[in-house]
């Protein structure tokens, strides 16, 4: 009976260790909390772009990884591209902005 309890406890400890390690982030992978934070940042950036009359939200793709926002897609002018970057920088939680937008 003693061996069964030991085995059961060992399995539980290994399971909990794997669960905790699976939630940790690395340089190339987000933790669960970072993923949620980045999703919120992406939503806020898209909302700000939607509210701006100069920009068209369907032309600009927004992706966030560990606070760094990448803007891509096609815009009508360099002014619109600069405006999107400006708006994005003002959103709380954004650490940097990578502009990959193309002027058509």
N, C-alpha and C. Protein backbone atom coordinates (compact mmCIF):
# COMPACT_ATOMS: atom_id res chain seq x y z
N UNK A 1 0.82 -1.19 0.00
CA UNK A 1 0.00 0.00 0.00
C UNK A 1 0.86 1.25 0.00
N UNK A 2 2.00 1.19 0.66
CA UNK A 2 2.89 2.32 0.76
C UNK A 2 3.47 2.70 -0.60
N UNK A 3 3.81 1.70 -1.42
CA UNK A 3 4.35 1.95 -2.76
C UNK A 3 3.31 2.62 -3.66
N UNK A 4 2.05 2.24 -3.51
CA UNK A 4 0.97 2.82 -4.31
C UNK A 4 0.81 4.31 -3.98
N UNK A 5 0.83 4.66 -2.71
CA UNK A 5 0.72 6.08 -2.33
C UNK A 5 1.91 6.88 -2.84
N UNK A 6 3.11 6.30 -2.73
CA UNK A 6 4.30 6.99 -3.23
C UNK A 6 4.19 7.22 -4.73
N UNK A 7 3.78 6.19 -5.47
CA UNK A 7 3.63 6.31 -6.91
C UNK A 7 2.58 7.38 -7.26
N UNK A 8 1.48 7.39 -6.56
CA UNK A 8 0.42 8.35 -6.79
C UNK A 8 0.92 9.79 -6.56
N UNK A 9 1.65 9.97 -5.47
CA UNK A 9 2.19 11.31 -5.16
C UNK A 9 3.22 11.74 -6.19
N UNK A 10 4.03 10.81 -6.65
CA UNK A 10 5.02 11.11 -7.66
C UNK A 10 4.36 11.56 -8.96
N UNK A 11 3.32 10.87 -9.37
CA UNK A 11 2.59 11.23 -10.58
C UNK A 11 1.97 12.62 -10.44
N UNK A 12 1.41 12.93 -9.30
CA UNK A 12 0.80 14.24 -9.06
C UNK A 12 1.86 15.34 -9.12
N UNK A 13 3.01 15.11 -8.49
CA UNK A 13 4.09 16.10 -8.51
C UNK A 13 4.60 16.32 -9.93
N UNK A 14 4.79 15.25 -10.69
CA UNK A 14 5.24 15.38 -12.08
C UNK A 14 4.21 16.11 -12.93
N UNK A 15 2.94 15.83 -12.72
CA UNK A 15 1.89 16.50 -13.47
C UNK A 15 1.86 18.00 -13.16
N UNK A 16 1.94 18.35 -11.89
CA UNK A 16 1.94 19.77 -11.51
C UNK A 16 3.17 20.50 -12.02
N UNK A 17 4.31 19.84 -12.00
CA UNK A 17 5.54 20.44 -12.52
C UNK A 17 5.41 20.70 -14.02
N UNK A 18 4.88 19.76 -14.75
CA UNK A 18 4.69 19.93 -16.20
C UNK A 18 3.67 21.03 -16.48
N UNK A 19 2.65 21.12 -15.68
CA UNK A 19 1.62 22.14 -15.86
C UNK A 19 2.20 23.53 -15.65
N UNK A 20 2.97 23.70 -14.61
CA UNK A 20 3.58 25.00 -14.33
C UNK A 20 4.62 25.36 -15.39
N UNK A 21 5.43 24.42 -15.78
CA UNK A 21 6.46 24.67 -16.80
C UNK A 21 5.82 24.98 -18.15
N UNK A 22 4.68 24.41 -18.44
CA UNK A 22 4.00 24.65 -19.71
C UNK A 22 3.45 26.05 -19.83
N UNK A 23 3.25 26.74 -18.72
CA UNK A 23 2.72 28.11 -18.73
C UNK A 23 3.81 29.16 -18.79
N UNK A 24 5.05 28.75 -18.65
CA UNK A 24 6.15 29.71 -18.63
C UNK A 24 6.50 30.15 -20.04
N UNK A 25 6.90 31.41 -20.16
CA UNK A 25 7.30 31.94 -21.46
C UNK A 25 8.80 31.81 -21.66
N UNK A 26 9.20 31.84 -22.92
CA UNK A 26 10.61 31.86 -23.28
C UNK A 26 10.82 33.04 -24.21
N UNK A 27 12.02 33.14 -24.75
CA UNK A 27 12.33 34.25 -25.65
C UNK A 27 11.48 34.18 -26.92
N UNK A 28 11.16 32.99 -27.38
CA UNK A 28 10.41 32.82 -28.63
C UNK A 28 8.97 32.38 -28.42
N UNK A 29 8.57 32.18 -27.16
CA UNK A 29 7.22 31.71 -26.87
C UNK A 29 6.63 32.49 -25.71
N UNK A 30 5.38 32.89 -25.85
CA UNK A 30 4.71 33.66 -24.82
C UNK A 30 4.17 32.77 -23.71
N UNK A 31 4.15 33.32 -22.51
CA UNK A 31 3.45 32.64 -21.43
C UNK A 31 1.96 32.89 -21.61
N UNK A 32 1.16 32.22 -20.84
CA UNK A 32 -0.29 32.39 -20.94
C UNK A 32 -0.69 33.83 -20.64
N UNK A 33 -0.11 34.40 -19.60
CA UNK A 33 -0.42 35.78 -19.24
C UNK A 33 0.00 36.77 -20.31
N UNK A 34 1.16 36.56 -20.91
CA UNK A 34 1.62 37.43 -21.99
C UNK A 34 0.70 37.32 -23.20
N UNK A 35 0.24 36.12 -23.49
CA UNK A 35 -0.67 35.93 -24.62
C UNK A 35 -1.96 36.73 -24.42
N UNK A 36 -2.49 36.68 -23.22
CA UNK A 36 -3.72 37.43 -22.91
C UNK A 36 -3.45 38.93 -23.01
N UNK A 37 -2.34 39.39 -22.44
CA UNK A 37 -1.98 40.80 -22.50
C UNK A 37 -1.83 41.26 -23.94
N UNK A 38 -1.16 40.47 -24.77
CA UNK A 38 -0.97 40.83 -26.17
C UNK A 38 -2.29 40.85 -26.93
N UNK A 39 -3.21 39.97 -26.58
CA UNK A 39 -4.53 39.98 -27.22
C UNK A 39 -5.28 41.27 -26.90
N UNK A 40 -5.15 41.72 -25.67
CA UNK A 40 -5.79 42.98 -25.25
C UNK A 40 -5.16 44.15 -26.00
N UNK A 41 -3.84 44.17 -26.10
CA UNK A 41 -3.16 45.25 -26.83
C UNK A 41 -3.61 45.27 -28.28
N UNK A 42 -3.67 44.10 -28.92
CA UNK A 42 -4.11 44.01 -30.32
C UNK A 42 -5.51 44.57 -30.48
N UNK A 43 -6.41 44.21 -29.58
CA UNK A 43 -7.79 44.70 -29.66
C UNK A 43 -7.85 46.22 -29.48
N UNK A 44 -7.06 46.75 -28.56
CA UNK A 44 -7.05 48.20 -28.33
C UNK A 44 -6.50 48.94 -29.55
N UNK A 45 -5.45 48.43 -30.15
CA UNK A 45 -4.88 49.06 -31.34
C UNK A 45 -5.89 49.05 -32.48
N UNK A 46 -6.55 47.91 -32.70
CA UNK A 46 -7.56 47.83 -33.76
C UNK A 46 -8.71 48.80 -33.51
N UNK A 47 -9.12 48.95 -32.26
CA UNK A 47 -10.21 49.88 -31.92
C UNK A 47 -9.78 51.32 -32.20
N UNK A 48 -8.55 51.66 -31.87
CA UNK A 48 -8.06 53.02 -32.12
C UNK A 48 -7.96 53.29 -33.62
N UNK A 49 -7.52 52.31 -34.39
CA UNK A 49 -7.45 52.47 -35.84
C UNK A 49 -8.85 52.61 -36.42
N UNK A 50 -9.79 51.86 -35.90
CA UNK A 50 -11.17 51.94 -36.36
C UNK A 50 -11.77 53.32 -36.10
N UNK A 51 -11.41 53.93 -34.98
CA UNK A 51 -11.94 55.25 -34.62
C UNK A 51 -11.33 56.38 -35.43
N UNK A 52 -10.23 56.14 -36.08
CA UNK A 52 -9.58 57.20 -36.85
C UNK A 52 -10.15 57.27 -38.26
N UNK A 53 -10.67 58.45 -38.67
CA UNK A 53 -11.29 58.56 -39.99
C UNK A 53 -10.30 58.43 -41.16
N UNK A 54 -9.01 58.67 -40.90
CA UNK A 54 -8.02 58.59 -41.97
C UNK A 54 -7.68 57.14 -42.31
N UNK A 55 -7.86 56.24 -41.36
CA UNK A 55 -7.42 54.85 -41.53
C UNK A 55 -8.58 53.90 -41.78
N UNK A 56 -8.28 52.84 -42.49
CA UNK A 56 -9.27 51.80 -42.76
C UNK A 56 -8.78 50.52 -42.07
N UNK A 57 -9.54 50.09 -41.07
CA UNK A 57 -9.12 48.97 -40.24
C UNK A 57 -8.94 47.68 -41.04
N UNK A 58 -9.65 47.53 -42.14
CA UNK A 58 -9.55 46.29 -42.91
C UNK A 58 -8.28 46.25 -43.76
N UNK A 59 -7.60 47.39 -43.90
CA UNK A 59 -6.36 47.42 -44.67
C UNK A 59 -5.13 47.10 -43.81
N UNK A 60 -5.27 47.24 -42.50
CA UNK A 60 -4.12 47.12 -41.61
C UNK A 60 -4.26 45.88 -40.72
N UNK A 61 -3.25 45.04 -40.77
CA UNK A 61 -3.21 43.84 -39.92
C UNK A 61 -2.36 44.16 -38.69
N UNK A 62 -2.86 43.78 -37.52
CA UNK A 62 -2.17 44.06 -36.26
C UNK A 62 -1.84 42.75 -35.57
N UNK A 63 -0.55 42.56 -35.25
CA UNK A 63 -0.11 41.38 -34.50
C UNK A 63 0.78 41.85 -33.36
N UNK A 64 0.64 41.22 -32.21
CA UNK A 64 1.41 41.61 -31.03
C UNK A 64 2.11 40.40 -30.45
N UNK A 65 3.39 40.57 -30.12
CA UNK A 65 4.17 39.52 -29.46
C UNK A 65 5.03 40.18 -28.39
N UNK A 66 4.73 39.85 -27.12
CA UNK A 66 5.44 40.37 -25.96
C UNK A 66 5.51 41.90 -25.97
N UNK A 67 4.38 42.52 -26.31
CA UNK A 67 4.28 43.98 -26.28
C UNK A 67 4.74 44.68 -27.54
N UNK A 68 5.41 43.97 -28.43
CA UNK A 68 5.85 44.54 -29.70
C UNK A 68 4.74 44.35 -30.73
N UNK A 69 4.29 45.46 -31.30
CA UNK A 69 3.19 45.42 -32.26
C UNK A 69 3.75 45.53 -33.67
N UNK A 70 3.29 44.63 -34.54
CA UNK A 70 3.67 44.70 -35.95
C UNK A 70 2.44 45.09 -36.75
N UNK A 71 2.58 46.16 -37.52
CA UNK A 71 1.52 46.61 -38.42
C UNK A 71 1.91 46.22 -39.83
N UNK A 72 0.99 45.57 -40.54
CA UNK A 72 1.26 45.19 -41.93
C UNK A 72 -0.01 45.41 -42.74
N UNK A 73 0.15 45.32 -44.04
CA UNK A 73 -0.99 45.53 -44.93
C UNK A 73 -0.71 46.67 -45.90
N UNK A 74 -1.76 47.13 -46.55
CA UNK A 74 -1.62 48.18 -47.56
C UNK A 74 -2.41 49.41 -47.14
N UNK A 75 -1.78 50.56 -47.22
CA UNK A 75 -2.44 51.83 -46.90
C UNK A 75 -2.35 52.74 -48.12
N UNK A 76 -3.19 53.79 -48.12
CA UNK A 76 -3.29 54.67 -49.28
C UNK A 76 -2.18 55.71 -49.37
N UNK A 77 -1.54 56.03 -48.25
CA UNK A 77 -0.50 57.06 -48.28
C UNK A 77 0.50 56.85 -47.15
N UNK A 78 1.64 57.51 -47.30
CA UNK A 78 2.66 57.45 -46.24
C UNK A 78 2.14 58.14 -44.99
N UNK A 79 1.29 59.13 -45.18
CA UNK A 79 0.69 59.84 -44.04
C UNK A 79 -0.18 58.89 -43.21
N UNK A 80 -0.94 58.05 -43.89
CA UNK A 80 -1.79 57.08 -43.19
C UNK A 80 -0.93 56.06 -42.44
N UNK A 81 0.18 55.66 -43.04
CA UNK A 81 1.09 54.72 -42.38
C UNK A 81 1.68 55.34 -41.11
N UNK A 82 2.11 56.58 -41.21
CA UNK A 82 2.68 57.27 -40.05
C UNK A 82 1.62 57.48 -38.97
N UNK A 83 0.40 57.76 -39.38
CA UNK A 83 -0.69 57.95 -38.42
C UNK A 83 -0.98 56.65 -37.66
N UNK A 84 -0.97 55.53 -38.36
CA UNK A 84 -1.22 54.23 -37.71
C UNK A 84 -0.14 53.93 -36.68
N UNK A 85 1.11 54.23 -37.01
CA UNK A 85 2.21 54.01 -36.07
C UNK A 85 2.06 54.92 -34.86
N UNK A 86 1.71 56.17 -35.10
CA UNK A 86 1.52 57.14 -34.02
C UNK A 86 0.42 56.69 -33.05
N UNK A 87 -0.70 56.25 -33.61
CA UNK A 87 -1.82 55.78 -32.79
C UNK A 87 -1.40 54.55 -31.98
N UNK A 88 -0.69 53.64 -32.60
CA UNK A 88 -0.27 52.41 -31.95
C UNK A 88 0.66 52.69 -30.78
N UNK A 89 1.59 53.61 -30.94
CA UNK A 89 2.55 53.94 -29.87
C UNK A 89 1.86 54.47 -28.62
N UNK A 90 0.70 55.09 -28.77
CA UNK A 90 -0.02 55.68 -27.64
C UNK A 90 -0.80 54.65 -26.82
N UNK A 91 -0.98 53.46 -27.34
CA UNK A 91 -1.75 52.42 -26.64
C UNK A 91 -0.93 51.89 -25.48
N UNK A 92 -1.56 51.80 -24.31
CA UNK A 92 -0.89 51.32 -23.11
C UNK A 92 -0.46 49.86 -23.27
N UNK A 93 0.78 49.57 -22.93
CA UNK A 93 1.30 48.22 -23.02
C UNK A 93 2.18 47.98 -24.24
N UNK A 94 2.14 48.89 -25.20
CA UNK A 94 2.95 48.74 -26.40
C UNK A 94 4.39 49.13 -26.07
N UNK A 95 5.33 48.22 -26.31
CA UNK A 95 6.73 48.51 -26.03
C UNK A 95 7.46 49.03 -27.26
N UNK A 96 7.06 48.54 -28.44
CA UNK A 96 7.64 49.03 -29.69
C UNK A 96 6.68 48.72 -30.84
N UNK A 97 6.91 49.41 -31.96
CA UNK A 97 6.05 49.24 -33.13
C UNK A 97 6.93 48.93 -34.33
N UNK A 98 6.61 47.88 -35.04
CA UNK A 98 7.30 47.53 -36.28
C UNK A 98 6.35 47.83 -37.43
N UNK A 99 6.75 48.72 -38.30
CA UNK A 99 5.90 49.14 -39.41
C UNK A 99 6.29 48.35 -40.67
N UNK A 100 5.41 47.43 -41.06
CA UNK A 100 5.62 46.65 -42.29
C UNK A 100 4.54 46.96 -43.32
N UNK A 101 3.91 48.13 -43.19
CA UNK A 101 2.85 48.51 -44.12
C UNK A 101 3.44 48.99 -45.44
N UNK A 102 2.71 48.75 -46.50
CA UNK A 102 3.12 49.13 -47.83
C UNK A 102 2.14 50.17 -48.35
N UNK A 103 2.68 51.26 -48.93
CA UNK A 103 1.83 52.29 -49.54
C UNK A 103 1.50 51.84 -50.95
N UNK A 104 0.19 51.81 -51.26
CA UNK A 104 -0.21 51.38 -52.61
C UNK A 104 -0.44 52.55 -53.53
